[in-house]
């Protein structure tokens, strides 16, 4: 489960600013936020630094019972 939308909304940054920092389109950023696309690890580190969170905070880990 992606926490990216919640974190980007809380950041106060415009989507266009975040997308520019990541080197992606706003549409691609929205795909990361919605979980339609997984953010590549290199961009995850950039996003985490920008949002002042850990990379682990970008996604919520599912319990084993939720995976099956």
N, C-alpha and C. Protein backbone atom coordinates (compact mmCIF):
# COMPACT_ATOMS: atom_id res chain seq x y z
N UNK A 1 0.85 -1.17 0.00
CA UNK A 1 0.00 0.00 0.00
C UNK A 1 0.91 1.24 0.00
N UNK A 2 0.66 2.12 -0.95
CA UNK A 2 1.48 3.32 -1.08
C UNK A 2 1.04 4.42 -0.12
N UNK A 3 2.01 5.03 0.54
CA UNK A 3 1.77 6.20 1.39
C UNK A 3 2.21 7.47 0.68
N UNK A 4 2.61 7.35 -0.57
CA UNK A 4 3.20 8.48 -1.28
C UNK A 4 2.22 9.63 -1.41
N UNK A 5 0.97 9.37 -1.75
CA UNK A 5 0.00 10.46 -1.89
C UNK A 5 -0.16 11.22 -0.58
N UNK A 6 -0.33 10.51 0.50
CA UNK A 6 -0.50 11.15 1.81
C UNK A 6 0.72 12.01 2.13
N UNK A 7 1.91 11.48 1.89
CA UNK A 7 3.13 12.20 2.22
C UNK A 7 3.34 13.42 1.32
N UNK A 8 3.03 13.28 0.03
CA UNK A 8 3.20 14.43 -0.86
C UNK A 8 2.17 15.50 -0.56
N UNK A 9 0.95 15.10 -0.22
CA UNK A 9 -0.08 16.08 0.14
C UNK A 9 0.32 16.84 1.41
N UNK A 10 0.89 16.15 2.36
CA UNK A 10 1.29 16.77 3.62
C UNK A 10 2.52 17.66 3.48
N UNK A 11 3.29 17.46 2.42
CA UNK A 11 4.55 18.18 2.26
C UNK A 11 4.35 19.67 1.97
N UNK A 12 3.24 20.02 1.34
CA UNK A 12 3.02 21.40 0.96
C UNK A 12 3.62 21.76 -0.39
N UNK A 13 4.37 20.83 -0.99
CA UNK A 13 4.94 21.06 -2.31
C UNK A 13 3.89 20.82 -3.39
N UNK A 14 4.00 21.54 -4.49
CA UNK A 14 3.14 21.30 -5.64
C UNK A 14 3.59 20.02 -6.32
N UNK A 15 2.62 19.31 -6.92
CA UNK A 15 2.92 18.07 -7.63
C UNK A 15 3.95 18.31 -8.72
N UNK A 16 3.84 19.44 -9.41
CA UNK A 16 4.76 19.74 -10.50
C UNK A 16 6.19 19.90 -9.98
N UNK A 17 6.36 20.48 -8.80
CA UNK A 17 7.69 20.64 -8.20
C UNK A 17 8.28 19.28 -7.86
N UNK A 18 7.49 18.43 -7.23
CA UNK A 18 7.96 17.09 -6.84
C UNK A 18 8.31 16.28 -8.09
N UNK A 19 7.44 16.33 -9.09
CA UNK A 19 7.69 15.59 -10.32
C UNK A 19 8.98 16.06 -10.99
N UNK A 20 9.20 17.37 -11.00
CA UNK A 20 10.42 17.91 -11.60
C UNK A 20 11.65 17.41 -10.86
N UNK A 21 11.62 17.40 -9.54
CA UNK A 21 12.74 16.91 -8.73
C UNK A 21 13.03 15.43 -9.00
N UNK A 22 11.96 14.68 -9.29
CA UNK A 22 12.12 13.25 -9.57
C UNK A 22 12.49 12.99 -11.03
N UNK A 23 12.31 14.00 -11.88
CA UNK A 23 12.59 13.81 -13.31
C UNK A 23 11.51 13.01 -14.01
N UNK A 24 10.27 13.15 -13.53
CA UNK A 24 9.14 12.45 -14.13
C UNK A 24 8.02 13.44 -14.39
N UNK A 25 7.02 13.00 -15.12
CA UNK A 25 5.84 13.83 -15.37
C UNK A 25 4.93 13.80 -14.14
N UNK A 26 4.04 14.76 -14.06
CA UNK A 26 3.05 14.77 -12.97
C UNK A 26 2.18 13.52 -13.07
N UNK A 27 1.87 13.10 -14.29
CA UNK A 27 1.07 11.89 -14.48
C UNK A 27 1.77 10.67 -13.88
N UNK A 28 3.08 10.58 -14.09
CA UNK A 28 3.83 9.45 -13.53
C UNK A 28 3.87 9.54 -12.00
N UNK A 29 4.02 10.74 -11.47
CA UNK A 29 3.97 10.91 -10.02
C UNK A 29 2.64 10.42 -9.47
N UNK A 30 1.56 10.76 -10.15
CA UNK A 30 0.23 10.30 -9.72
C UNK A 30 0.12 8.77 -9.78
N UNK A 31 0.79 8.16 -10.74
CA UNK A 31 0.82 6.69 -10.80
C UNK A 31 1.54 6.12 -9.58
N UNK A 32 2.63 6.77 -9.16
CA UNK A 32 3.32 6.32 -7.94
C UNK A 32 2.41 6.49 -6.73
N UNK A 33 1.72 7.62 -6.67
CA UNK A 33 0.83 7.91 -5.53
C UNK A 33 -0.31 6.91 -5.43
N UNK A 34 -0.85 6.53 -6.57
CA UNK A 34 -2.01 5.63 -6.58
C UNK A 34 -1.64 4.16 -6.46
N UNK A 35 -0.35 3.86 -6.65
CA UNK A 35 0.09 2.47 -6.62
C UNK A 35 -0.01 1.78 -7.96
N UNK A 36 -0.38 2.52 -9.01
CA UNK A 36 -0.43 1.92 -10.35
C UNK A 36 0.95 1.59 -10.87
N UNK A 37 1.95 2.32 -10.39
CA UNK A 37 3.35 2.08 -10.73
C UNK A 37 4.16 2.12 -9.45
N UNK A 38 5.17 1.27 -9.38
CA UNK A 38 6.09 1.32 -8.26
C UNK A 38 7.20 2.30 -8.59
N UNK A 39 7.57 3.11 -7.62
CA UNK A 39 8.62 4.09 -7.84
C UNK A 39 9.97 3.37 -7.86
N UNK A 40 10.81 3.66 -8.86
CA UNK A 40 12.14 3.04 -8.88
C UNK A 40 12.94 3.46 -7.64
N UNK A 41 13.81 2.60 -7.20
CA UNK A 41 14.51 2.82 -5.93
C UNK A 41 15.33 4.11 -5.95
N UNK A 42 15.93 4.46 -7.07
CA UNK A 42 16.72 5.69 -7.11
C UNK A 42 15.83 6.92 -6.91
N UNK A 43 14.65 6.89 -7.48
CA UNK A 43 13.70 8.00 -7.32
C UNK A 43 13.07 7.97 -5.93
N UNK A 44 12.93 6.79 -5.35
CA UNK A 44 12.39 6.67 -4.00
C UNK A 44 13.29 7.38 -3.00
N UNK A 45 14.60 7.25 -3.18
CA UNK A 45 15.53 7.94 -2.28
C UNK A 45 15.44 9.45 -2.45
N UNK A 46 15.31 9.92 -3.68
CA UNK A 46 15.17 11.35 -3.93
C UNK A 46 13.89 11.86 -3.28
N UNK A 47 12.79 11.12 -3.48
CA UNK A 47 11.51 11.53 -2.91
C UNK A 47 11.56 11.52 -1.38
N UNK A 48 12.13 10.49 -0.81
CA UNK A 48 12.22 10.41 0.65
C UNK A 48 13.04 11.58 1.20
N UNK A 49 14.14 11.90 0.56
CA UNK A 49 14.95 13.05 1.00
C UNK A 49 14.15 14.34 0.91
N UNK A 50 13.44 14.52 -0.20
CA UNK A 50 12.64 15.73 -0.41
C UNK A 50 11.55 15.86 0.66
N UNK A 51 10.92 14.75 0.99
CA UNK A 51 9.82 14.75 1.96
C UNK A 51 10.29 14.60 3.40
N UNK A 52 11.61 14.42 3.56
CA UNK A 52 12.21 14.26 4.90
C UNK A 52 11.62 13.07 5.65
N UNK A 53 11.53 11.94 4.93
CA UNK A 53 11.08 10.68 5.51
C UNK A 53 12.07 9.58 5.11
N UNK A 54 11.88 8.40 5.67
CA UNK A 54 12.69 7.24 5.26
C UNK A 54 12.03 6.60 4.05
N UNK A 55 12.82 5.94 3.23
CA UNK A 55 12.27 5.23 2.07
C UNK A 55 11.20 4.25 2.52
N UNK A 56 11.40 3.61 3.66
CA UNK A 56 10.41 2.67 4.20
C UNK A 56 9.06 3.31 4.43
N UNK A 57 9.04 4.61 4.68
CA UNK A 57 7.79 5.31 4.96
C UNK A 57 6.93 5.50 3.71
N UNK A 58 7.51 5.32 2.53
CA UNK A 58 6.77 5.54 1.29
C UNK A 58 5.70 4.48 1.04
N UNK A 59 5.91 3.31 1.62
CA UNK A 59 4.96 2.20 1.46
C UNK A 59 4.65 1.58 2.80
N UNK A 60 3.43 1.12 2.93
CA UNK A 60 3.01 0.40 4.12
C UNK A 60 3.19 -1.08 3.86
N UNK A 61 3.88 -1.74 4.75
CA UNK A 61 4.13 -3.16 4.58
C UNK A 61 2.89 -3.97 4.93
N UNK A 62 2.52 -4.90 4.06
CA UNK A 62 1.37 -5.76 4.31
C UNK A 62 1.74 -6.91 5.23
N UNK A 63 0.84 -7.29 6.09
CA UNK A 63 1.04 -8.46 6.94
C UNK A 63 0.99 -9.71 6.08
N UNK A 64 1.62 -10.75 6.52
CA UNK A 64 1.67 -12.01 5.76
C UNK A 64 0.27 -12.51 5.42
N UNK A 65 -0.68 -12.37 6.34
CA UNK A 65 -2.03 -12.85 6.09
C UNK A 65 -2.73 -12.05 5.00
N UNK A 66 -2.32 -10.79 4.80
CA UNK A 66 -2.92 -9.95 3.77
C UNK A 66 -2.39 -10.30 2.38
N UNK A 67 -1.22 -10.93 2.31
CA UNK A 67 -0.60 -11.25 1.04
C UNK A 67 -1.26 -12.47 0.41
N UNK A 68 -1.69 -13.42 1.21
CA UNK A 68 -2.22 -14.69 0.68
C UNK A 68 -3.56 -14.54 0.08
